[in-house]
Amino acid sequence: TGLPVTLSVADKEPVNASSILAVMSLGVGHGQSV
């Protein structure tokens, strides 16, 4: 996208959605809302 995109879940701090490691660190499971 070329844009700063963040992903967040529940009570965790938002992470850089462009970083696979950051995205995986959130531990988001099936059916969870982000």
Full PDB file with SEQRES, HELIX, SHEET, SSBOND, CRYST1, ORIGX, SCALE, CONECT and MASTER records, all heavy atoms in Angstrom:
SEQRES   1 A   34  THR GLY LEU PRO VAL THR LEU SER VAL ALA ASP LYS GLU          
SEQRES   2 A   34  PRO VAL ASN ALA SER SER ILE LEU ALA VAL MET SER LEU          
SEQRES   3 A   34  GLY VAL GLY HIS GLY GLN SER VAL                              
HELIX    1 AA1 ILE A   20  SER A   25  1                                   6    
SHEET    1 AA1 2 THR A   6  LEU A   7  0                                        
SHEET    2 AA1 2 VAL A  15  ASN A  16 -1                                        
CRYST1    1.000    1.000    1.000  90.00  90.00  90.00 P 1           1          
ORIGX1      1.000000  0.000000  0.000000        0.00000                         
ORIGX2      0.000000  1.000000  0.000000        0.00000                         
ORIGX3      0.000000  0.000000  1.000000        0.00000                         
SCALE1      1.000000  0.000000  0.000000        0.00000                         
SCALE2      0.000000  1.000000  0.000000        0.00000                         
SCALE3      0.000000  0.000000  1.000000        0.00000                         
ATOM      1  N   THR A   1       0.823  -1.212   0.000  1.00  0.00           N  
ATOM      2  CA  THR A   1       0.000   0.000   0.000  1.00  0.00           C  
ATOM      3  C   THR A   1       0.854   1.259   0.000  1.00  0.00           C  
ATOM      4  O   THR A   1       0.398   2.309  -0.421  1.00  0.00           O  
ATOM      5  CB  THR A   1      -0.943   0.068   1.225  1.00  0.00           C  
ATOM      6  OG1 THR A   1      -0.173   0.249   2.421  1.00  0.00           O  
ATOM      7  CG2 THR A   1      -1.827  -1.159   1.337  1.00  0.00           C  
ATOM      8  N   GLY A   2       2.088   1.150   0.510  1.00  0.00           N  
ATOM      9  CA  GLY A   2       2.955   2.310   0.616  1.00  0.00           C  
ATOM     10  C   GLY A   2       2.556   3.249   1.747  1.00  0.00           C  
ATOM     11  O   GLY A   2       3.083   4.347   1.867  1.00  0.00           O  
ATOM     12  N   LEU A   3       1.622   2.799   2.585  1.00  0.00           N  
ATOM     13  CA  LEU A   3       1.124   3.604   3.694  1.00  0.00           C  
ATOM     14  C   LEU A   3       1.546   2.984   5.026  1.00  0.00           C  
ATOM     15  O   LEU A   3       1.744   1.771   5.094  1.00  0.00           O  
ATOM     16  CB  LEU A   3      -0.408   3.677   3.666  1.00  0.00           C  
ATOM     17  CG  LEU A   3      -1.053   4.271   2.426  1.00  0.00           C  
ATOM     18  CD1 LEU A   3      -2.560   4.056   2.468  1.00  0.00           C  
ATOM     19  CD2 LEU A   3      -0.720   5.745   2.327  1.00  0.00           C  
ATOM     20  N   PRO A   4       1.627   3.800   6.075  1.00  0.00           N  
ATOM     21  CA  PRO A   4       1.837   3.216   7.400  1.00  0.00           C  
ATOM     22  C   PRO A   4       0.539   2.550   7.861  1.00  0.00           C  
ATOM     23  O   PRO A   4      -0.474   3.225   8.032  1.00  0.00           O  
ATOM     24  CB  PRO A   4       2.201   4.413   8.278  1.00  0.00           C  
ATOM     25  CG  PRO A   4       1.666   5.608   7.560  1.00  0.00           C  
ATOM     26  CD  PRO A   4       1.614   5.254   6.101  1.00  0.00           C  
ATOM     27  N   VAL A   5       0.571   1.233   7.987  1.00  0.00           N  
ATOM     28  CA  VAL A   5      -0.606   0.455   8.393  1.00  0.00           C  
ATOM     29  C   VAL A   5      -0.275  -0.250   9.696  1.00  0.00           C  
ATOM     30  O   VAL A   5       0.792  -0.868   9.827  1.00  0.00           O  
ATOM     31  CB  VAL A   5      -0.985  -0.594   7.328  1.00  0.00           C  
ATOM     32  CG1 VAL A   5      -2.204  -1.395   7.775  1.00  0.00           C  
ATOM     33  CG2 VAL A   5      -1.246   0.057   5.978  1.00  0.00           C  
ATOM     34  N   THR A   6      -1.181  -0.155  10.676  1.00  0.00           N  
ATOM     35  CA  THR A   6      -0.986  -0.873  11.928  1.00  0.00           C  
ATOM     36  C   THR A   6      -2.112  -1.868  12.132  1.00  0.00           C  
ATOM     37  O   THR A   6      -3.206  -1.726  11.591  1.00  0.00           O  
ATOM     38  CB  THR A   6      -0.928   0.075  13.142  1.00  0.00           C  
ATOM     39  OG1 THR A   6      -2.164   0.774  13.259  1.00  0.00           O  
ATOM     40  CG2 THR A   6       0.224   1.052  13.027  1.00  0.00           C  
ATOM     41  N   LEU A   7      -1.814  -2.873  12.944  1.00  0.00           N  
ATOM     42  CA  LEU A   7      -2.761  -3.924  13.292  1.00  0.00           C  
ATOM     43  C   LEU A   7      -2.775  -4.025  14.808  1.00  0.00           C  
ATOM     44  O   LEU A   7      -1.718  -4.043  15.443  1.00  0.00           O  
ATOM     45  CB  LEU A   7      -2.307  -5.257  12.679  1.00  0.00           C  
ATOM     46  CG  LEU A   7      -3.182  -6.467  12.948  1.00  0.00           C  
ATOM     47  CD1 LEU A   7      -4.460  -6.383  12.140  1.00  0.00           C  
ATOM     48  CD2 LEU A   7      -2.429  -7.746  12.600  1.00  0.00           C  
ATOM     49  N   SER A   8      -3.972  -4.090  15.373  1.00  0.00           N  
ATOM     50  CA  SER A   8      -4.051  -4.234  16.829  1.00  0.00           C  
ATOM     51  C   SER A   8      -5.147  -5.230  17.190  1.00  0.00           C  
ATOM     52  O   SER A   8      -6.075  -5.478  16.419  1.00  0.00           O  
ATOM     53  CB  SER A   8      -4.315  -2.885  17.497  1.00  0.00           C  
ATOM     54  OG  SER A   8      -5.541  -2.338  17.060  1.00  0.00           O  
ATOM     55  N   VAL A   9      -4.989  -5.791  18.369  1.00  0.00           N  
ATOM     56  CA  VAL A   9      -5.951  -6.749  18.897  1.00  0.00           C  
ATOM     57  C   VAL A   9      -6.079  -6.516  20.399  1.00  0.00           C  
ATOM     58  O   VAL A   9      -5.087  -6.273  21.087  1.00  0.00           O  
ATOM     59  CB  VAL A   9      -5.527  -8.204  18.596  1.00  0.00           C  
ATOM     60  CG1 VAL A   9      -4.211  -8.555  19.211  1.00  0.00           C  
ATOM     61  CG2 VAL A   9      -6.592  -9.181  19.013  1.00  0.00           C  
ATOM     62  N   ALA A  10      -7.306  -6.576  20.871  1.00  0.00           N  
ATOM     63  CA  ALA A  10      -7.628  -6.478  22.301  1.00  0.00           C  
ATOM     64  C   ALA A  10      -6.790  -5.435  23.030  1.00  0.00           C  
ATOM     65  O   ALA A  10      -6.780  -4.287  22.644  1.00  0.00           O  
ATOM     66  CB  ALA A  10      -7.532  -7.841  22.960  1.00  0.00           C  
ATOM     67  N   ASP A  11      -6.076  -5.858  24.061  1.00  0.00           N  
ATOM     68  CA  ASP A  11      -5.337  -4.929  24.915  1.00  0.00           C  
ATOM     69  C   ASP A  11      -3.860  -4.803  24.554  1.00  0.00           C  
ATOM     70  O   ASP A  11      -3.079  -4.279  25.341  1.00  0.00           O  
ATOM     71  CB  ASP A  11      -5.455  -5.374  26.379  1.00  0.00           C  
ATOM     72  CG  ASP A  11      -6.895  -5.342  26.854  1.00  0.00           C  
ATOM     73  OD1 ASP A  11      -7.653  -4.473  26.371  1.00  0.00           O  
ATOM     74  OD2 ASP A  11      -7.273  -6.172  27.692  1.00  0.00           O  
ATOM     75  N   LYS A  12      -3.487  -5.290  23.379  1.00  0.00           N  
ATOM     76  CA  LYS A  12      -2.077  -5.213  22.969  1.00  0.00           C  
ATOM     77  C   LYS A  12      -1.833  -3.939  22.167  1.00  0.00           C  
ATOM     78  O   LYS A  12      -2.734  -3.408  21.517  1.00  0.00           O  
ATOM     79  CB  LYS A  12      -1.703  -6.434  22.136  1.00  0.00           C  
ATOM     80  CG  LYS A  12      -1.791  -7.721  22.935  1.00  0.00           C  
ATOM     81  CD  LYS A  12      -1.345  -8.909  22.123  1.00  0.00           C  
ATOM     82  CE  LYS A  12      -1.456 -10.176  22.963  1.00  0.00           C  
ATOM     83  NZ  LYS A  12      -1.055 -11.349  22.205  1.00  0.00           N  
ATOM     84  N   GLU A  13      -0.602  -3.480  22.209  1.00  0.00           N  
ATOM     85  CA  GLU A  13      -0.206  -2.301  21.442  1.00  0.00           C  
ATOM     86  C   GLU A  13      -0.281  -2.606  19.946  1.00  0.00           C  
ATOM     87  O   GLU A  13       0.015  -3.727  19.520  1.00  0.00           O  
ATOM     88  CB  GLU A  13       1.230  -1.904  21.795  1.00  0.00           C  
ATOM     89  CG  GLU A  13       1.385  -1.328  23.185  1.00  0.00           C  
ATOM     90  CD  GLU A  13       0.710   0.025  23.318  1.00  0.00           C  
ATOM     91  OE1 GLU A  13       0.828   0.862  22.408  1.00  0.00           O  
ATOM     92  OE2 GLU A  13       0.051   0.230  24.350  1.00  0.00           O  
ATOM     93  N   PRO A  14      -0.641  -1.611  19.129  1.00  0.00           N  
ATOM     94  CA  PRO A  14      -0.655  -1.810  17.670  1.00  0.00           C  
ATOM     95  C   PRO A  14       0.744  -2.130  17.163  1.00  0.00           C  
ATOM     96  O   PRO A  14       1.737  -1.646  17.708  1.00  0.00           O  
ATOM     97  CB  PRO A  14      -1.131  -0.464  17.123  1.00  0.00           C  
ATOM     98  CG  PRO A  14      -1.750   0.242  18.279  1.00  0.00           C  
ATOM     99  CD  PRO A  14      -1.083  -0.279  19.516  1.00  0.00           C  
ATOM    100  N   VAL A  15       0.798  -2.940  16.101  1.00  0.00           N  
ATOM    101  CA  VAL A  15       2.078  -3.285  15.488  1.00  0.00           C  
ATOM    102  C   VAL A  15       2.061  -2.892  14.013  1.00  0.00           C  
ATOM    103  O   VAL A  15       0.999  -2.686  13.423  1.00  0.00           O  
ATOM    104  CB  VAL A  15       2.396  -4.801  15.613  1.00  0.00           C  
ATOM    105  CG1 VAL A  15       2.480  -5.221  17.068  1.00  0.00           C  
ATOM    106  CG2 VAL A  15       1.391  -5.645  14.851  1.00  0.00           C  
ATOM    107  N   ASN A  16       3.232  -2.801  13.444  1.00  0.00           N  
ATOM    108  CA  ASN A  16       3.391  -2.507  12.021  1.00  0.00           C  
ATOM    109  C   ASN A  16       2.880  -3.707  11.222  1.00  0.00           C  
ATOM    110  O   ASN A  16       3.453  -4.795  11.294  1.00  0.00           O  
ATOM    111  CB  ASN A  16       4.872  -2.241  11.731  1.00  0.00           C  
ATOM    112  CG  ASN A  16       5.148  -1.952  10.286  1.00  0.00           C  
ATOM    113  OD1 ASN A  16       4.300  -2.096   9.417  1.00  0.00           O  
ATOM    114  ND2 ASN A  16       6.371  -1.547  10.020  1.00  0.00           N  
ATOM    115  N   ALA A  17       1.825  -3.505  10.440  1.00  0.00           N  
ATOM    116  CA  ALA A  17       1.234  -4.610   9.675  1.00  0.00           C  
ATOM    117  C   ALA A  17       2.142  -5.081   8.545  1.00  0.00           C  
ATOM    118  O   ALA A  17       1.916  -6.158   7.988  1.00  0.00           O  
ATOM    119  CB  ALA A  17      -0.126  -4.193   9.127  1.00  0.00           C  
ATOM    120  N   SER A  18       3.167  -4.317   8.198  1.00  0.00           N  
ATOM    121  CA  SER A  18       4.108  -4.717   7.154  1.00  0.00           C  
ATOM    122  C   SER A  18       5.163  -5.696   7.659  1.00  0.00           C  
ATOM    123  O   SER A  18       5.926  -6.237   6.868  1.00  0.00           O  
ATOM    124  CB  SER A  18       4.828  -3.495   6.580  1.00  0.00           C  
ATOM    125  OG  SER A  18       3.909  -2.585   6.068  1.00  0.00           O  
ATOM    126  N   SER A  19       5.207  -5.912   8.961  1.00  0.00           N  
ATOM    127  CA  SER A  19       6.204  -6.796   9.559  1.00  0.00           C  
ATOM    128  C   SER A  19       5.574  -8.135   9.921  1.00  0.00           C  
ATOM    129  O   SER A  19       4.747  -8.217  10.830  1.00  0.00           O  
ATOM    130  CB  SER A  19       6.787  -6.146  10.818  1.00  0.00           C  
ATOM    131  OG  SER A  19       7.525  -7.102  11.566  1.00  0.00           O  
ATOM    132  N   ILE A  20       5.987  -9.181   9.244  1.00  0.00           N  
ATOM    133  CA  ILE A  20       5.423 -10.508   9.512  1.00  0.00           C  
ATOM    134  C   ILE A  20       5.668 -10.919  10.962  1.00  0.00           C  
ATOM    135  O   ILE A  20       4.782 -11.477  11.610  1.00  0.00           O  
ATOM    136  CB  ILE A  20       5.960 -11.569   8.526  1.00  0.00           C  
ATOM    137  CG1 ILE A  20       5.257 -12.904   8.768  1.00  0.00           C  
ATOM    138  CG2 ILE A  20       7.448 -11.697   8.609  1.00  0.00           C  
ATOM    139  CD1 ILE A  20       5.574 -13.967   7.753  1.00  0.00           C  
ATOM    140  N   LEU A  21       6.854 -10.621  11.485  1.00  0.00           N  
ATOM    141  CA  LEU A  21       7.149 -11.004  12.866  1.00  0.00           C  
ATOM    142  C   LEU A  21       6.265 -10.246  13.853  1.00  0.00           C  
ATOM    143  O   LEU A  21       5.782 -10.823  14.837  1.00  0.00           O  
ATOM    144  CB  LEU A  21       8.624 -10.779  13.182  1.00  0.00           C  
ATOM    145  CG  LEU A  21       9.586 -11.699  12.441  1.00  0.00           C  
ATOM    146  CD1 LEU A  21      11.030 -11.340  12.776  1.00  0.00           C  
ATOM    147  CD2 LEU A  21       9.310 -13.148  12.760  1.00  0.00           C  
ATOM    148  N   ALA A  22       6.042  -8.962  13.590  1.00  0.00           N  
ATOM    149  CA  ALA A  22       5.184  -8.168  14.468  1.00  0.00           C  
ATOM    150  C   ALA A  22       3.746  -8.691  14.427  1.00  0.00           C  
ATOM    151  O   ALA A  22       3.095  -8.824  15.468  1.00  0.00           O  
ATOM    152  CB  ALA A  22       5.233  -6.698  14.073  1.00  0.00           C  
ATOM    153  N   VAL A  23       3.269  -9.004  13.230  1.00  0.00           N  
ATOM    154  CA  VAL A  23       1.904  -9.532  13.083  1.00  0.00           C  
ATOM    155  C   VAL A  23       1.770 -10.853  13.824  1.00  0.00           C  
ATOM    156  O   VAL A  23       0.822 -11.069  14.581  1.00  0.00           O  
ATOM    157  CB  VAL A  23       1.531  -9.685  11.589  1.00  0.00           C  
ATOM    158  CG1 VAL A  23       0.229 -10.456  11.425  1.00  0.00           C  
ATOM    159  CG2 VAL A  23       1.429  -8.316  10.927  1.00  0.00           C  
ATOM    160  N   MET A  24       2.729 -11.751  13.654  1.00  0.00           N  
ATOM    161  CA  MET A  24       2.675 -13.048  14.323  1.00  0.00           C  
ATOM    162  C   MET A  24       2.787 -12.906  15.839  1.00  0.00           C  
ATOM    163  O   MET A  24       2.214 -13.702  16.575  1.00  0.00           O  
ATOM    164  CB  MET A  24       3.760 -13.973  13.769  1.00  0.00           C  
ATOM    165  CG  MET A  24       3.448 -14.432  12.352  1.00  0.00           C  
ATOM    166  SD  MET A  24       4.740 -15.490  11.643  1.00  0.00           S  
ATOM    167  CE  MET A  24       4.708 -16.858  12.759  1.00  0.00           C  
ATOM    168  N   SER A  25       3.502 -11.885  16.293  1.00  0.00           N  
ATOM    169  CA  SER A  25       3.690 -11.699  17.737  1.00  0.00           C  
ATOM    170  C   SER A  25       2.374 -11.392  18.462  1.00  0.00           C  
ATOM    171  O   SER A  25       2.288 -11.576  19.672  1.00  0.00           O  
ATOM    172  CB  SER A  25       4.699 -10.585  18.013  1.00  0.00           C  
ATOM    173  OG  SER A  25       4.123  -9.310  17.788  1.00  0.00           O  
ATOM    174  N   LEU A  26       1.372 -10.945  17.735  1.00  0.00           N  
ATOM    175  CA  LEU A  26       0.077 -10.661  18.360  1.00  0.00           C  
ATOM    176  C   LEU A  26      -0.669 -11.932  18.757  1.00  0.00           C  
ATOM    177  O   LEU A  26      -1.547 -11.899  19.609  1.00  0.00           O  
ATOM    178  CB  LEU A  26      -0.804  -9.827  17.420  1.00  0.00           C  
ATOM    179  CG  LEU A  26      -0.358  -8.394  17.179  1.00  0.00           C  
ATOM    180  CD1 LEU A  26      -1.253  -7.747  16.123  1.00  0.00           C  
ATOM    181  CD2 LEU A  26      -0.380  -7.595  18.467  1.00  0.00           C  
ATOM    182  N   GLY A  27      -0.317 -13.054  18.135  1.00  0.00           N  
ATOM    183  CA  GLY A  27      -0.952 -14.325  18.476  1.00  0.00           C  
ATOM    184  C   GLY A  27      -2.441 -14.361  18.169  1.00  0.00           C  
ATOM    185  O   GLY A  27      -3.220 -14.935  18.934  1.00  0.00           O  
ATOM    186  N   VAL A  28      -2.841 -13.780  17.054  1.00  0.00           N  
ATOM    187  CA  VAL A  28      -4.254 -13.698  16.696  1.00  0.00           C  
ATOM    188  C   VAL A  28      -4.753 -15.036  16.167  1.00  0.00           C  
ATOM    189  O   VAL A  28      -4.154 -15.621  15.271  1.00  0.00           O  
ATOM    190  CB  VAL A  28      -4.489 -12.600  15.635  1.00  0.00           C  
ATOM    191  CG1 VAL A  28      -5.955 -12.540  15.231  1.00  0.00           C  
ATOM    192  CG2 VAL A  28      -4.022 -11.259  16.159  1.00  0.00           C  
ATOM    193  N   GLY A  29      -5.860 -15.504  16.732  1.00  0.00           N  
ATOM    194  CA  GLY A  29      -6.442 -16.773  16.326  1.00  0.00           C  
ATOM    195  C   GLY A  29      -7.680 -16.608  15.473  1.00  0.00           C  
ATOM    196  O   GLY A  29      -8.212 -15.506  15.305  1.00  0.00           O  
ATOM    197  N   HIS A  30      -8.138 -17.732  14.938  1.00  0.00           N  
ATOM    198  CA  HIS A  30      -9.364 -17.774  14.132  1.00  0.00           C  
ATOM    199  C   HIS A  30     -10.535 -17.199  14.930  1.00  0.00           C  
ATOM    200  O   HIS A  30     -10.705 -17.499  16.106  1.00  0.00           O  
ATOM    201  CB  HIS A  30      -9.663 -19.221  13.743  1.00  0.00           C  
ATOM    202  CG  HIS A  30     -11.010 -19.400  13.128  1.00  0.00           C  
ATOM    203  ND1 HIS A  30     -11.264 -19.070  11.823  1.00  0.00           N  
ATOM    204  CD2 HIS A  30     -12.172 -19.855  13.643  1.00  0.00           C  
ATOM    205  CE1 HIS A  30     -12.532 -19.320  11.561  1.00  0.00           C  
ATOM    206  NE2 HIS A  30     -13.105 -19.808  12.658  1.00  0.00           N  
ATOM    207  N   GLY A  31     -11.312 -16.345  14.287  1.00  0.00           N  
ATOM    208  CA  GLY A  31     -12.493 -15.791  14.917  1.00  0.00           C  
ATOM    209  C   GLY A  31     -12.254 -14.566  15.786  1.00  0.00           C  
ATOM    210  O   GLY A  31     -13.209 -13.952  16.260  1.00  0.00           O  
ATOM    211  N   GLN A  32     -10.999 -14.209  16.006  1.00  0.00           N  
ATOM    212  CA  GLN A  32     -10.708 -13.007  16.795  1.00  0.00           C  
ATOM    213  C   GLN A  32     -10.892 -11.767  15.927  1.00  0.00           C  
ATOM    214  O   GLN A  32     -10.694 -11.811  14.712  1.00  0.00           O  
ATOM    215  CB  GLN A  32      -9.275 -13.023  17.319  1.00  0.00           C  
ATOM    216  CG  GLN A  32      -9.090 -13.829  18.569  1.00  0.00           C  
ATOM    217  CD  GLN A  32      -7.701 -13.603  19.137  1.00  0.00           C  
ATOM    218  OE1 GLN A  32      -6.737 -14.199  18.665  1.00  0.00           O  
ATOM    219  NE2 GLN A  32      -7.598 -12.753  20.139  1.00  0.00           N  
ATOM    220  N   SER A  33     -11.242 -10.668  16.569  1.00  0.00           N  
ATOM    221  CA  SER A  33     -11.369  -9.393  15.864  1.00  0.00           C  
ATOM    222  C   SER A  33     -10.082  -8.603  16.005  1.00  0.00           C  
ATOM    223  O   SER A  33      -9.470  -8.580  17.075  1.00  0.00           O  
ATOM    224  CB  SER A  33     -12.526  -8.585  16.439  1.00  0.00           C  
ATOM    225  OG  SER A  33     -13.738  -9.199  16.128  1.00  0.00           O  
ATOM    226  N   VAL A  34      -9.687  -7.971  14.914  1.00  0.00           N  
ATOM    227  CA  VAL A  34      -8.511  -7.112  14.896  1.00  0.00           C  
ATOM    228  C   VAL A  34      -8.905  -5.770  14.287  1.00  0.00           C  
ATOM    229  O   VAL A  34      -9.907  -5.668  13.586  1.00  0.00           O  
ATOM    230  CB  VAL A  34      -7.348  -7.722  14.078  1.00  0.00           C  
ATOM    231  CG1 VAL A  34      -6.866  -9.016  14.699  1.00  0.00           C  
ATOM    232  CG2 VAL A  34      -7.748  -7.938  12.642  1.00  0.00           C  
TER     233      VAL A  34                                                      
MASTER        0    0    0    1    2    0    0    6  232    1    0    3          
END                                                                             
